[in-house]
């Protein structure tokens, strides 16, 4: 018994940060999955973000009998305020997030901690994810799950960071000091998970490959990412463009947009607002030679006339993306240096 106690005391504390709002139907399953973790030295900072259902009562009943659960009320509004409050009240040298409507795999905390202890600081522990839903998972989410997991298996998540968020918000763990280096949850930018992912990338936090499904991600019609305006597509493009300009844009090289669909037009608007000059190319014969926002559209082969161009690709079709990638390779252009897929 004494040996078990000594072993427990030597195990580092993991702080789990979990905002919740009106997830009464899912909270018991979420909390039970945390209580059942193979790794036991954790604290759950679970923050009520102004719930109007029975969520708060459910959590306080758990907290009354489990001292590792600390339930607090958000002193503001929104997930970022809730995350800041949770982080401010946390004590662990290791930090992870959890969503109140999801489920942890049994060894999630143990395996992530093992990875961080093996690789050391300036690393992020990740895991594979599995979507589930009472109504079934749509094709879009299935593709996202497969794409995301393929990146995580090799730890090459950042290689496609401008397509979608490449680190799932409830499935990472990091050293507290590293999270502080990345400014934690202080920037008031949405989507907050994508913004934090870009800051992980900016501060060179290396992704640790994983082969294990560690998180079960629930989808349902009233999920925040489906209904909250902070997660609308225009916010994603604005965020991508802000970090592209900061991290990759080279003003000494001609910039081009490839594609004149809705995303291409939004990117063009952002560049015009920032007074950043660019060329616009496409392979749609109906648009070539025409003007949009007073910018002429050229055939994609116009790239050959430019000296060391950088190209933002806004074409979503997978077959077209493959053809575009092959074209760039034929021009000796390199991903994440010369060209960037934004969808």
Protein backbone atom coordinates (compact mmCIF):
# COMPACT_ATOMS: atom_id res chain seq x y z
CA UNK A 1 0.00 0.00 0.00
CA UNK A 2 2.84 2.39 0.88
CA UNK A 3 4.64 1.60 -2.40
CA UNK A 4 1.50 2.40 -4.36
CA UNK A 5 1.20 5.72 -2.50
CA UNK A 6 4.85 6.61 -3.19
CA UNK A 7 4.42 5.75 -6.87
CA UNK A 8 1.31 7.97 -7.05
CA UNK A 9 3.18 10.87 -5.45
CA UNK A 10 5.97 10.60 -8.03
CA UNK A 11 3.57 10.63 -10.95
CA UNK A 12 3.20 14.17 -12.37
CA UNK A 13 -0.16 15.88 -12.20
CA UNK A 14 -2.08 16.30 -15.46
CA UNK A 15 -4.50 19.22 -15.60
CA UNK A 16 -7.54 18.63 -17.81
CA UNK A 17 -9.30 21.82 -18.96
CA UNK A 18 -12.95 21.34 -19.89
CA UNK A 19 -15.49 24.09 -20.59
CA UNK A 20 -19.13 23.02 -20.76
CA UNK A 21 -22.40 24.62 -21.79
CA UNK A 22 -25.73 22.81 -22.01
CA UNK A 23 -24.25 19.34 -22.50
CA UNK A 24 -26.23 17.59 -19.77
CA UNK A 25 -27.00 14.65 -22.06
CA UNK A 26 -23.31 13.90 -22.57
CA UNK A 27 -21.52 15.02 -19.39
CA UNK A 28 -21.90 11.78 -17.38
CA UNK A 29 -20.32 9.70 -20.14
CA UNK A 30 -17.53 12.27 -20.56
CA UNK A 31 -16.73 12.46 -16.84
CA UNK A 32 -16.91 8.69 -16.39
CA UNK A 33 -14.36 8.27 -19.18
CA UNK A 34 -12.01 10.55 -17.21
CA UNK A 35 -12.66 8.76 -13.91
CA UNK A 36 -11.85 5.45 -15.60
CA UNK A 37 -8.46 6.55 -16.96
CA UNK A 38 -5.58 4.13 -16.43
CA UNK A 39 -3.52 7.13 -15.29
CA UNK A 40 -4.97 8.47 -12.07
CA UNK A 41 -2.98 11.56 -11.01
CA UNK A 42 -5.07 14.18 -12.77
CA UNK A 43 -7.23 17.16 -11.92
CA UNK A 44 -10.27 18.19 -13.92
CA UNK A 45 -10.87 21.94 -14.13
CA UNK A 46 -14.39 21.95 -15.51
CA UNK A 47 -15.96 25.34 -16.20
CA UNK A 48 -19.65 26.12 -16.55
CA UNK A 49 -20.03 28.59 -19.42
CA UNK A 50 -23.46 29.92 -18.47
CA UNK A 51 -25.43 26.70 -18.91
CA UNK A 52 -29.22 26.88 -18.82
CA UNK A 53 -29.89 23.14 -18.56
CA UNK A 54 -28.96 20.74 -15.73
CA UNK A 55 -25.27 20.55 -16.69
CA UNK A 56 -24.00 22.46 -13.66
CA UNK A 57 -25.96 20.30 -11.24
CA UNK A 58 -24.62 17.13 -12.87
CA UNK A 59 -21.01 18.30 -12.57
CA UNK A 60 -21.35 19.50 -8.97
CA UNK A 61 -22.69 16.08 -7.96
CA UNK A 62 -19.53 14.48 -9.35
CA UNK A 63 -17.32 17.15 -7.73
CA UNK A 64 -18.95 16.55 -4.34
CA UNK A 65 -17.66 12.98 -4.24
CA UNK A 66 -14.49 13.28 -6.36
CA UNK A 67 -11.84 15.73 -5.04
CA UNK A 68 -9.94 15.68 -8.35
CA UNK A 69 -12.86 17.50 -10.01
CA UNK A 70 -12.96 21.28 -9.55
CA UNK A 71 -16.11 22.90 -10.91
CA UNK A 72 -16.06 26.66 -11.49
CA UNK A 73 -18.41 29.14 -13.14
CA UNK A 74 -17.19 31.23 -16.05
CA UNK A 75 -16.88 34.84 -14.94
CA UNK A 76 -17.35 35.95 -18.54
CA UNK A 77 -18.83 34.41 -21.67
CA UNK A 78 -17.46 32.02 -24.24
CA UNK A 79 -15.05 29.14 -24.50
CA UNK A 80 -11.90 31.28 -24.38
CA UNK A 81 -12.85 32.92 -21.10
CA UNK A 82 -13.69 29.49 -19.70
CA UNK A 83 -10.34 28.05 -20.83
CA UNK A 84 -8.44 30.98 -19.30
CA UNK A 85 -10.21 30.45 -16.00
CA UNK A 86 -9.48 26.73 -16.07
CA UNK A 87 -5.80 27.29 -16.88
CA UNK A 88 -5.43 29.95 -14.17
CA UNK A 89 -6.72 27.49 -11.57
CA UNK A 90 -4.72 24.49 -12.79
CA UNK A 91 -1.64 23.12 -11.04
CA UNK A 92 -0.22 20.39 -13.25
CA UNK A 93 3.05 20.55 -15.19
CA UNK A 94 1.16 18.89 -18.06
CA UNK A 95 -1.93 20.43 -19.68
CA UNK A 96 -4.59 18.88 -21.88
CA UNK A 97 -8.04 19.88 -23.14
CA UNK A 98 -11.23 17.87 -23.14
CA UNK A 99 -14.66 18.61 -24.61
CA UNK A 100 -17.63 17.96 -22.38
CA UNK A 101 -19.55 16.01 -25.02
CA UNK A 102 -16.72 13.62 -25.95
CA UNK A 103 -15.18 10.44 -24.55
CA UNK A 104 -11.59 9.63 -23.61
CA UNK A 105 -10.14 6.25 -24.53
CA UNK A 106 -9.07 4.32 -21.43
CA UNK A 107 -5.31 4.96 -21.78
CA UNK A 108 -5.44 8.43 -23.28
CA UNK A 109 -3.71 10.31 -20.43
CA UNK A 110 -1.18 7.55 -19.82
CA UNK A 111 -0.05 7.27 -23.43
CA UNK A 112 0.13 11.01 -24.01
CA UNK A 113 2.15 11.53 -20.85
CA UNK A 114 4.52 8.70 -21.83
CA UNK A 115 5.09 10.39 -25.18
CA UNK A 116 5.85 13.77 -23.61
CA UNK A 117 8.21 12.23 -21.06
CA UNK A 118 10.00 10.37 -23.86
CA UNK A 119 10.35 13.31 -26.25
CA UNK A 120 10.70 16.16 -23.73
CA UNK A 121 9.76 19.80 -24.01
CA UNK A 122 8.94 21.62 -27.24
CA UNK A 123 6.72 18.68 -28.21
CA UNK A 124 2.98 18.07 -28.35
CA UNK A 125 1.50 14.66 -27.63
CA UNK A 126 -1.32 13.74 -29.99
CA UNK A 127 -3.64 10.84 -30.63
CA UNK A 128 -5.87 9.51 -33.35
CA UNK A 129 -9.55 10.48 -33.20
CA UNK A 130 -12.76 8.63 -33.99
CA UNK A 131 -15.99 10.43 -34.81
CA UNK A 132 -19.26 8.95 -33.59
CA UNK A 133 -22.88 10.07 -33.75
CA UNK A 134 -26.31 8.69 -33.00
CA UNK A 135 -27.37 9.87 -36.45
CA UNK A 136 -24.32 8.45 -38.24
CA UNK A 137 -21.23 10.24 -39.53
CA UNK A 138 -21.41 12.12 -42.82
CA UNK A 139 -18.90 11.79 -45.61
CA UNK A 140 -17.26 15.13 -44.81
CA UNK A 141 -16.44 14.18 -41.22
CA UNK A 142 -15.25 10.73 -42.29
CA UNK A 143 -12.83 12.33 -44.76
CA UNK A 144 -11.63 14.82 -42.14
CA UNK A 145 -11.03 12.02 -39.62
CA UNK A 146 -9.03 9.98 -42.13
CA UNK A 147 -7.01 12.99 -43.30
CA UNK A 148 -6.26 14.14 -39.75
CA UNK A 149 -5.29 10.67 -38.52
CA UNK A 150 -2.99 10.08 -41.49
CA UNK A 151 -1.10 13.26 -40.57
CA UNK A 152 -0.92 12.31 -36.89
CA UNK A 153 0.37 8.80 -37.59
CA UNK A 154 3.51 10.35 -39.07
CA UNK A 155 3.60 13.53 -36.97
CA UNK A 156 3.50 15.68 -40.12
CA UNK A 157 0.43 17.67 -39.05
CA UNK A 158 1.88 21.08 -39.90
CA UNK A 159 2.54 20.07 -43.51
CA UNK A 160 -1.10 20.82 -44.35
CA UNK A 161 -1.88 23.41 -41.71
CA UNK A 162 -3.51 25.84 -44.16
CA UNK A 163 -6.13 23.29 -45.22
CA UNK A 164 -7.89 22.70 -41.90
CA UNK A 165 -7.06 22.61 -38.20
CA UNK A 166 -4.44 19.85 -37.99
CA UNK A 167 -4.48 19.38 -34.20
CA UNK A 168 -7.86 18.36 -32.77
CA UNK A 169 -8.81 20.68 -29.89
CA UNK A 170 -9.63 17.91 -27.37
CA UNK A 171 -6.74 15.56 -28.23
CA UNK A 172 -3.39 17.09 -27.35
CA UNK A 173 -1.15 17.37 -24.29
CA UNK A 174 1.73 19.75 -23.71
CA UNK A 175 4.14 20.92 -21.01
CA UNK A 176 2.75 23.87 -19.09
CA UNK A 177 5.84 25.96 -19.86
CA UNK A 178 5.44 25.31 -23.58
CA UNK A 179 1.78 26.31 -23.51
CA UNK A 180 2.76 29.56 -21.77
CA UNK A 181 5.43 30.13 -24.43
CA UNK A 182 2.65 29.88 -27.03
CA UNK A 183 0.56 32.42 -25.03
CA UNK A 184 -1.94 29.75 -23.94
CA UNK A 185 -5.54 30.97 -24.33
CA UNK A 186 -4.86 34.70 -24.15
CA UNK A 187 -5.40 35.80 -27.77
CA UNK A 188 -9.08 36.45 -28.27
CA UNK A 189 -9.09 34.82 -31.70
CA UNK A 190 -11.59 32.33 -33.10
CA UNK A 191 -11.61 29.54 -34.07
CA UNK A 192 -9.58 29.25 -30.86
CA UNK A 193 -8.32 25.72 -31.51
CA UNK A 194 -7.02 26.61 -34.97
CA UNK A 195 -5.38 29.77 -33.68
CA UNK A 196 -3.60 27.80 -30.94
CA UNK A 197 -2.48 25.24 -33.54
CA UNK A 198 -0.88 28.01 -35.58
CA UNK A 199 0.88 29.26 -32.46
CA UNK A 200 2.16 25.74 -31.72
CA UNK A 201 3.55 25.77 -35.25
CA UNK A 202 4.94 29.30 -34.94
CA UNK A 203 6.84 28.38 -31.76
CA UNK A 204 8.19 25.15 -33.24
CA UNK A 205 6.32 22.71 -30.99
CA UNK A 206 6.97 19.36 -32.64
CA UNK A 207 4.10 16.90 -33.15
CA UNK A 208 4.71 13.43 -31.69
CA UNK A 209 3.39 10.67 -33.98
CA UNK A 210 0.71 8.38 -32.56
CA UNK A 211 -0.85 5.12 -33.71
CA UNK A 212 -3.55 4.98 -31.02
CA UNK A 213 -7.17 6.14 -31.11
CA UNK A 214 -7.24 8.21 -27.92
CA UNK A 215 -10.32 10.35 -28.38
CA UNK A 216 -13.91 9.67 -29.38
CA UNK A 217 -15.29 12.82 -30.96
CA UNK A 218 -19.07 13.22 -30.81
CA UNK A 219 -20.99 14.89 -33.61
CA UNK A 220 -24.56 16.19 -33.27
CA UNK A 221 -26.68 18.97 -34.74
CA UNK A 222 -26.26 21.48 -31.88
CA UNK A 223 -22.51 21.02 -31.48
CA UNK A 224 -20.79 24.42 -31.10
CA UNK A 225 -18.66 24.03 -34.22
CA UNK A 226 -21.88 23.62 -36.23
CA UNK A 227 -23.94 26.52 -34.84
CA UNK A 228 -21.53 29.08 -33.34
CA UNK A 229 -20.78 31.97 -35.72
CA UNK A 230 -17.18 32.00 -34.45
CA UNK A 231 -16.61 28.82 -36.45
CA UNK A 232 -17.97 30.11 -39.77
CA UNK A 233 -15.78 29.60 -42.84
CA UNK A 234 -14.88 33.28 -43.22
CA UNK A 235 -13.21 33.20 -39.78
CA UNK A 236 -11.06 30.28 -40.90
CA UNK A 237 -9.87 32.10 -44.02
CA UNK A 238 -9.13 35.29 -42.13
CA UNK A 239 -7.11 33.30 -39.59
CA UNK A 240 -5.22 31.42 -42.30
CA UNK A 241 -4.37 34.60 -44.15
CA UNK A 242 -3.18 36.37 -41.01
CA UNK A 243 -0.72 33.59 -40.20
CA UNK A 244 0.31 33.13 -43.83
CA UNK A 245 1.26 36.79 -44.06
CA UNK A 246 3.13 36.58 -40.75
CA UNK A 247 4.90 33.26 -41.24
CA UNK A 248 5.31 32.55 -44.95
CA UNK A 249 4.60 35.53 -47.17
CA UNK A 250 7.72 36.86 -48.89
CA UNK A 251 7.09 40.38 -50.17
CA UNK A 252 10.09 40.11 -52.52
CA UNK A 253 8.34 37.35 -54.50
CA UNK A 254 5.21 37.71 -56.68
CA UNK A 255 2.13 36.32 -54.93
CA UNK A 256 -0.61 34.48 -56.84
CA UNK A 257 -4.02 33.03 -56.04
CA UNK A 258 -4.97 29.87 -57.91
CA UNK A 259 -8.75 29.52 -58.11
CA UNK A 260 -11.63 31.96 -58.47
CA UNK A 261 -14.37 30.24 -56.49
CA UNK A 262 -15.84 31.63 -53.27
CA UNK A 263 -12.71 30.98 -51.21
CA UNK A 264 -10.47 32.45 -53.86
CA UNK A 265 -12.61 35.57 -53.94
CA UNK A 266 -12.50 35.90 -50.16
CA UNK A 267 -8.70 35.58 -50.17
CA UNK A 268 -8.52 38.21 -52.92
CA UNK A 269 -10.65 40.59 -50.85
CA UNK A 270 -8.39 40.14 -47.83
CA UNK A 271 -5.27 40.82 -49.88
CA UNK A 272 -6.82 43.91 -51.46
CA UNK A 273 -7.85 45.23 -48.03
CA UNK A 274 -4.26 44.79 -46.85
CA UNK A 275 -2.96 46.39 -50.04
CA UNK A 276 -0.87 43.33 -50.88
CA UNK A 277 -0.45 43.03 -54.67
CA UNK A 278 -1.13 39.67 -56.27
CA UNK A 279 -1.79 37.89 -59.55
CA UNK A 280 -4.86 35.73 -60.06
CA UNK A 281 -4.76 32.51 -62.06
CA UNK A 282 -7.15 29.66 -62.81
CA UNK A 283 -7.77 26.88 -65.29
CA UNK A 284 -11.43 27.72 -65.93
CA UNK A 285 -11.71 28.93 -69.55
CA UNK A 286 -14.93 30.81 -68.72
CA UNK A 287 -13.05 33.04 -66.25
CA UNK A 288 -9.65 33.42 -67.92
CA UNK A 289 -9.24 36.95 -69.28
CA UNK A 290 -12.09 38.36 -67.22
CA UNK A 291 -11.77 40.72 -64.23
CA UNK A 292 -12.97 40.17 -60.67
CA UNK A 293 -12.53 43.05 -58.20
CA UNK A 294 -10.63 44.82 -61.01
CA UNK A 295 -8.06 42.01 -61.07
CA UNK A 296 -7.51 40.15 -64.34
CA UNK A 297 -7.56 36.34 -64.28
CA UNK A 298 -4.77 34.60 -66.18
CA UNK A 299 -4.30 31.04 -67.33
CA UNK A 300 -2.36 29.03 -64.72
CA UNK A 301 0.60 28.83 -67.12
CA UNK A 302 1.08 32.54 -66.45
CA UNK A 303 3.08 31.33 -63.44
CA UNK A 304 5.93 30.53 -65.84
CA UNK A 305 6.33 34.24 -66.52
CA UNK A 306 6.84 35.10 -62.84
CA UNK A 307 10.17 35.02 -61.04
CA UNK A 308 10.01 32.64 -58.03
CA UNK A 309 6.28 33.05 -57.34
CA UNK A 310 4.44 32.04 -54.20
CA UNK A 311 0.98 30.57 -54.76
CA UNK A 312 -2.08 30.20 -52.55
CA UNK A 313 -4.33 27.44 -53.91
CA UNK A 314 -8.05 27.79 -53.19
CA UNK A 315 -9.20 24.88 -55.38
CA UNK A 316 -11.10 22.30 -53.30
CA UNK A 317 -11.59 19.44 -55.78
CA UNK A 318 -9.27 16.58 -54.77
CA UNK A 319 -8.50 15.48 -58.33
CA UNK A 320 -7.71 19.07 -59.32
CA UNK A 321 -5.48 19.44 -56.25
CA UNK A 322 -3.51 16.38 -57.32
CA UNK A 323 -3.08 17.80 -60.82
CA UNK A 324 -2.01 21.15 -59.37
CA UNK A 325 0.50 19.45 -57.04
CA UNK A 326 1.99 17.58 -59.99
CA UNK A 327 2.24 20.82 -61.93
CA UNK A 328 4.12 22.49 -59.07
CA UNK A 329 6.49 19.53 -58.86
CA UNK A 330 7.18 19.87 -62.57
CA UNK A 331 8.13 23.50 -61.88
CA UNK A 332 10.40 22.45 -58.99
CA UNK A 333 8.14 24.27 -56.51
CA UNK A 334 7.84 23.02 -52.92
CA UNK A 335 4.89 22.76 -50.55
CA UNK A 336 4.86 25.16 -47.58
CA UNK A 337 7.52 27.29 -49.25
CA UNK A 338 6.37 28.00 -52.80
CA UNK A 339 2.74 26.85 -52.70
CA UNK A 340 0.09 26.50 -50.01
CA UNK A 341 -3.21 24.65 -50.22
CA UNK A 342 -5.92 26.59 -48.40
CA UNK A 343 -8.61 23.93 -48.78
